[in-house]
Amino acid sequence: MTTIDYKLFLKEILPFEDYLFYKPLAQDEVAELEASISNVLPQYYKEFLLHFGIYQDLIYGLFANKEEWIEQNGYLYEAEQNYVMIGDNGGEDFWLLRTDDVQDRKIYNWVDDEIEETGFTFDDFLARCLNNLKDDSFIQLHNNEKVLRAHLSVSTNQESELIDSLGIELIENWVEDVPNFEDMRDYLKDQQISIYTINAKLNDSLISIKKECNQMTSTTVYTFDYTETLSVLRTNSKMALYKSIVEEQFSYSSFNLFGIYNADYKDGVW
């Protein structure tokens, strides 16, 4: 079986480039993925990652999060060493590719620890992508309306350390965030919790930081979303840097990369 002609595929999607969010991986990043699961990826899939990467929305259902990709394949490897998991159908059916047969480009389902054929191939994924792009009834967001979104939660009583470590630029003063609902106000008062918010900038991206001060436990937790547009992701991405800072310098903190979102997405309010 011949390899997939990605140069031809790139040519075919060129008219729709402004509606396709993707960042190719470098060779060393693909090698890092292989090392993380102690397996060798099929060549056609490695070429896909080198052309389009993990953070992409060409093919819906593929994992669009590196951490999820590694985590799910860790579970798979405990049961099956000759497959790699690449996504799911939105339910409990996970999509697999064979790693022990270079000629096989079929997609397999992993359901209840059983592997079964789906009846379609990775090539079919690409064909479906093209069909959707050419279908006027298929809604596609412009890349200007999309962002790669991460959520940070940092527990620290050293606010200046957090600001300096990440390079946060505060653009106003802290404001107490009082809930609209009386029950919530009473709960916060009983728990001796105070909430404050502030607008700031991080890597030239506007962010809104929430600070939760718990007097009973003497802890302060800062939470906020950080987003990158496609142009920032490709030229000046700080996702990996911020993740390493949060996880290495602040205990009981987390950096969760959610994936590609509508830029107008808003968090819930009280």
Protein backbone atom coordinates (compact mmCIF):
# COMPACT_ATOMS: atom_id res chain seq x y z
CA MET A 1 0.00 0.00 0.00
CA THR A 2 1.44 3.38 -0.98
CA THR A 3 1.82 6.17 1.56
CA ILE A 4 -0.70 9.01 1.75
CA ASP A 5 0.07 11.93 -0.57
CA TYR A 6 -0.06 14.76 1.97
CA LYS A 7 1.32 17.28 -0.52
CA LEU A 8 -1.74 16.67 -2.68
CA PHE A 9 -4.00 16.85 0.36
CA LEU A 10 -2.45 20.19 1.38
CA LYS A 11 -3.08 21.48 -2.13
CA GLU A 12 -6.71 20.39 -1.98
CA ILE A 13 -7.38 22.08 1.37
CA LEU A 14 -5.53 25.29 0.44
CA PRO A 15 -8.76 27.19 -0.50
CA PHE A 16 -10.07 26.45 3.02
CA GLU A 17 -6.84 27.23 4.90
CA ASP A 18 -8.41 30.08 6.88
CA TYR A 19 -10.90 27.63 8.41
CA LEU A 20 -8.43 24.93 9.47
CA PHE A 21 -6.69 25.22 12.82
CA TYR A 22 -3.51 23.13 13.05
CA LYS A 23 0.13 23.24 14.12
CA PRO A 24 2.54 20.66 12.67
CA LEU A 25 4.79 18.77 15.06
CA ALA A 26 8.56 18.71 14.65
CA GLN A 27 10.44 15.43 14.18
CA ASP A 28 11.66 15.45 17.78
CA GLU A 29 8.11 16.00 19.05
CA VAL A 30 6.89 12.94 17.15
CA ALA A 31 9.83 10.96 18.53
CA GLU A 32 8.84 12.15 22.02
CA LEU A 33 5.32 10.78 21.52
CA GLU A 34 6.72 7.43 20.43
CA ALA A 35 9.05 7.32 23.43
CA SER A 36 6.19 8.18 25.80
CA ILE A 37 4.27 5.03 24.76
CA SER A 38 7.28 2.78 23.97
CA ASN A 39 5.94 2.17 20.49
CA VAL A 40 6.63 3.13 16.88
CA LEU A 41 3.85 4.99 15.10
CA PRO A 42 2.70 3.99 11.60
CA GLN A 43 4.56 6.04 9.00
CA TYR A 44 1.39 7.54 7.45
CA TYR A 45 0.24 8.70 10.89
CA LYS A 46 3.66 10.15 11.71
CA GLU A 47 3.46 12.11 8.45
CA PHE A 48 0.03 13.37 9.44
CA LEU A 49 1.46 14.64 12.75
CA LEU A 50 4.38 16.26 10.93
CA HIS A 51 1.97 18.07 8.59
CA PHE A 52 -0.90 18.87 10.99
CA GLY A 53 0.07 17.94 14.55
CA ILE A 54 -2.16 17.06 17.49
CA TYR A 55 -3.74 20.48 18.01
CA GLN A 56 -5.88 20.39 14.89
CA ASP A 57 -9.52 20.46 13.82
CA LEU A 58 -9.28 18.90 10.37
CA ILE A 59 -10.45 15.52 11.63
CA TYR A 60 -13.01 15.64 14.41
CA GLY A 61 -12.65 12.88 16.96
CA LEU A 62 -8.85 12.71 16.94
CA PHE A 63 -7.27 13.62 20.26
CA ALA A 64 -6.52 17.37 20.14
CA ASN A 65 -4.61 17.33 23.40
CA LYS A 66 -1.09 15.94 23.82
CA GLU A 67 -1.59 15.00 27.48
CA GLU A 68 -4.80 13.11 26.68
CA TRP A 69 -3.05 11.35 23.78
CA ILE A 70 -0.28 10.13 26.08
CA GLU A 71 -2.61 9.23 28.96
CA GLN A 72 -5.04 7.21 26.85
CA ASN A 73 -2.25 5.35 25.09
CA GLY A 74 -0.77 4.52 28.48
CA TYR A 75 -4.02 2.72 29.35
CA LEU A 76 -4.08 1.00 25.97
CA TYR A 77 -0.49 -0.22 26.19
CA GLU A 78 -1.28 -2.16 29.36
CA ALA A 79 -3.68 -4.30 27.30
CA GLU A 80 -2.52 -4.03 23.69
CA GLN A 81 1.06 -3.38 22.57
CA ASN A 82 0.48 -3.51 18.80
CA TYR A 83 -1.88 -0.55 18.52
CA VAL A 84 -1.90 3.21 19.06
CA MET A 85 -5.02 5.11 20.13
CA ILE A 86 -5.72 8.28 18.13
CA GLY A 87 -9.23 9.37 19.20
CA ASP A 88 -12.80 8.27 19.66
CA ASN A 89 -16.25 8.55 18.12
CA GLY A 90 -17.60 10.69 20.93
CA GLY A 91 -18.65 7.68 22.99
CA GLU A 92 -16.84 4.71 24.46
CA ASP A 93 -15.51 3.44 21.12
CA PHE A 94 -11.83 4.39 20.88
CA TRP A 95 -10.07 4.53 17.51
CA LEU A 96 -6.91 2.49 17.09
CA LEU A 97 -4.25 2.06 14.40
CA ARG A 98 -2.09 -1.02 14.06
CA THR A 99 1.62 -0.50 14.66
CA ASP A 100 2.80 -4.00 13.69
CA ASP A 101 1.62 -3.96 10.06
CA VAL A 102 2.95 -1.11 7.92
CA GLN A 103 0.47 -1.88 5.13
CA ASP A 104 -2.64 -1.66 7.31
CA ARG A 105 -4.33 1.76 7.43
CA LYS A 106 -7.66 0.52 8.76
CA ILE A 107 -9.27 2.13 11.80
CA TYR A 108 -10.10 -0.24 14.63
CA ASN A 109 -12.50 0.21 17.53
CA TRP A 110 -11.51 -0.67 21.09
CA VAL A 111 -14.71 -1.46 22.97
CA ASP A 112 -14.79 -3.16 26.36
CA ASP A 113 -11.19 -4.35 25.84
CA GLU A 114 -12.16 -5.95 22.52
CA ILE A 115 -10.75 -4.83 19.15
CA GLU A 116 -12.94 -4.78 16.06
CA GLU A 117 -12.72 -3.35 12.55
CA THR A 118 -14.72 -0.22 11.77
CA GLY A 119 -14.94 -0.63 8.00
CA PHE A 120 -13.07 2.59 7.22
CA THR A 121 -9.45 3.71 6.98
CA PHE A 122 -7.33 6.72 7.88
CA ASP A 123 -7.57 7.72 4.23
CA ASP A 124 -11.34 7.90 4.70
CA PHE A 125 -10.80 10.43 7.48
CA LEU A 126 -8.99 12.70 5.05
CA ALA A 127 -11.63 12.22 2.36
CA ARG A 128 -14.37 13.07 4.86
CA CYS A 129 -12.49 16.23 5.80
CA LEU A 130 -12.41 17.34 2.17
CA ASN A 131 -16.09 16.54 1.66
CA ASN A 132 -17.05 18.57 4.73
CA LEU A 133 -14.99 21.55 3.58
CA LYS A 134 -16.65 21.49 0.16
CA ASP A 135 -20.14 21.11 1.63
CA ASP A 136 -21.72 24.58 1.88
CA SER A 137 -24.11 23.34 4.59
CA PHE A 138 -21.22 22.29 6.86
CA ILE A 139 -20.49 25.09 9.33
CA GLN A 140 -16.83 26.04 9.66
CA LEU A 141 -15.52 28.74 11.99
CA HIS A 142 -12.87 31.11 10.68
CA ASN A 143 -9.53 30.67 12.46
CA ASN A 144 -9.93 34.21 13.83
CA GLU A 145 -12.80 32.79 15.90
CA LYS A 146 -10.77 29.92 17.39
CA VAL A 147 -8.21 29.61 20.16
CA LEU A 148 -6.23 26.89 21.88
CA ARG A 149 -7.42 27.05 25.48
CA ALA A 150 -5.70 26.07 28.72
CA HIS A 151 -6.86 26.37 32.33
CA LEU A 152 -4.42 27.14 35.13
CA SER A 153 -5.02 26.65 38.84
CA VAL A 154 -2.18 27.79 41.08
CA SER A 155 -2.09 27.47 44.86
CA THR A 156 0.33 29.97 46.40
CA ASN A 157 0.49 32.62 49.08
CA GLN A 158 3.24 34.38 47.14
CA GLU A 159 1.30 36.40 44.59
CA SER A 160 4.35 38.29 43.38
CA GLU A 161 6.16 35.00 42.66
CA LEU A 162 3.27 33.83 40.48
CA ILE A 163 3.13 37.12 38.59
CA ASP A 164 6.88 37.28 38.05
CA SER A 165 7.31 33.60 37.13
CA LEU A 166 4.68 33.69 34.40
CA GLY A 167 5.27 37.29 33.35
CA ILE A 168 1.70 38.39 34.10
CA GLU A 169 0.96 42.07 33.52
CA LEU A 170 -1.75 43.41 35.84
CA ILE A 171 -3.77 46.14 34.14
CA GLU A 172 -6.11 47.08 37.01
CA ASN A 173 -6.68 46.55 40.74
CA TRP A 174 -8.25 43.54 42.43
CA VAL A 175 -12.04 43.77 42.81
CA GLU A 176 -14.07 41.66 45.24
CA ASP A 177 -16.39 39.32 43.36
CA VAL A 178 -19.69 39.20 45.25
CA PRO A 179 -22.09 36.42 44.13
CA ASN A 180 -25.56 37.38 42.91
CA PHE A 181 -27.16 34.60 44.94
CA GLU A 182 -27.72 34.99 48.66
CA ASP A 183 -27.15 31.29 49.34
CA MET A 184 -23.72 31.51 47.76
CA ARG A 185 -22.85 34.65 49.70
CA ASP A 186 -23.85 32.94 52.95
CA TYR A 187 -21.82 29.85 52.04
CA LEU A 188 -18.67 31.89 51.35
CA LYS A 189 -19.11 33.80 54.57
CA ASP A 190 -19.53 30.60 56.60
CA GLN A 191 -16.45 29.09 55.00
CA GLN A 192 -14.48 32.33 55.45
CA ILE A 193 -13.77 32.51 51.74
CA SER A 194 -13.28 35.75 49.82
CA ILE A 195 -13.21 35.95 46.02
CA TYR A 196 -11.43 38.63 44.00
CA THR A 197 -10.96 39.14 40.26
CA ILE A 198 -8.62 41.17 38.12
CA ASN A 199 -7.96 41.64 34.41
CA ALA A 200 -4.41 41.14 33.20
CA LYS A 201 -2.26 40.21 30.21
CA LEU A 202 -0.23 37.08 29.62
CA ASN A 203 1.87 36.81 26.47
CA ASP A 204 -0.23 39.74 25.13
CA SER A 205 -3.41 37.70 25.67
CA LEU A 206 -6.10 39.20 27.91
CA ILE A 207 -6.90 37.01 30.91
CA SER A 208 -9.26 37.32 33.87
CA ILE A 209 -7.79 35.95 37.11
CA LYS A 210 -9.91 34.76 40.02
CA LYS A 211 -8.30 34.75 43.47
CA GLU A 212 -9.93 32.63 46.18
CA CYS A 213 -8.68 33.35 49.69
CA ASN A 214 -9.61 30.80 52.33
CA GLN A 215 -8.99 32.13 55.84
CA MET A 216 -9.81 28.79 57.48
CA THR A 217 -7.04 26.95 55.62
CA SER A 218 -4.78 29.96 55.04
CA THR A 219 -4.60 29.14 51.33
CA THR A 220 -4.98 31.25 48.21
CA VAL A 221 -5.78 29.75 44.82
CA TYR A 222 -5.50 31.63 41.53
CA THR A 223 -7.44 30.33 38.52
CA PHE A 224 -7.65 31.61 34.96
CA ASP A 225 -7.87 30.57 31.33
CA TYR A 226 -5.05 31.27 28.90
CA THR A 227 -5.64 31.14 25.16
CA GLU A 228 -3.53 31.33 22.02
CA THR A 229 -4.67 32.14 18.52
CA LEU A 230 -3.30 30.08 15.65
CA SER A 231 -0.71 32.74 14.78
CA VAL A 232 0.56 32.85 18.38
CA LEU A 233 0.53 29.06 18.63
CA ARG A 234 2.74 28.79 15.55
CA THR A 235 5.14 31.67 16.25
CA ASN A 236 5.23 32.50 19.96
CA SER A 237 3.53 29.73 21.88
CA LYS A 238 4.10 29.71 25.63
CA MET A 239 1.88 26.73 26.45
CA ALA A 240 4.75 24.35 27.21
CA LEU A 241 6.65 27.01 29.18
CA TYR A 242 3.69 27.91 31.40
CA LYS A 243 2.91 24.25 31.99
CA SER A 244 6.45 23.54 33.19
CA ILE A 245 6.51 26.64 35.44
CA VAL A 246 3.20 25.79 37.10
CA GLU A 247 3.96 22.11 37.62
CA GLU A 248 7.58 22.58 38.75
CA GLN A 249 7.40 25.72 40.87
CA PHE A 250 3.99 25.55 42.54
CA SER A 251 2.73 22.60 44.59
CA TYR A 252 -0.95 21.58 44.43
CA SER A 253 -1.31 23.39 41.10
CA SER A 254 -2.29 22.32 37.62
CA PHE A 255 -2.12 23.28 33.96
CA ASN A 256 -4.83 21.63 31.86
CA LEU A 257 -4.80 22.12 28.11
CA PHE A 258 -8.39 21.71 26.95
CA GLY A 259 -7.98 21.98 23.16
CA ILE A 260 -9.45 24.16 20.43
CA TYR A 261 -12.40 26.33 21.44
CA ASN A 262 -14.58 29.11 20.07
CA ALA A 263 -12.85 32.34 21.05
CA ASP A 264 -16.18 33.68 22.39
CA TYR A 265 -16.44 30.89 24.97
CA LYS A 266 -17.20 32.35 28.39
CA ASP A 267 -16.89 30.79 31.83
CA GLY A 268 -20.01 30.54 33.96
CA VAL A 269 -20.78 33.26 36.51
CA TRP A 270 -22.30 33.19 39.99
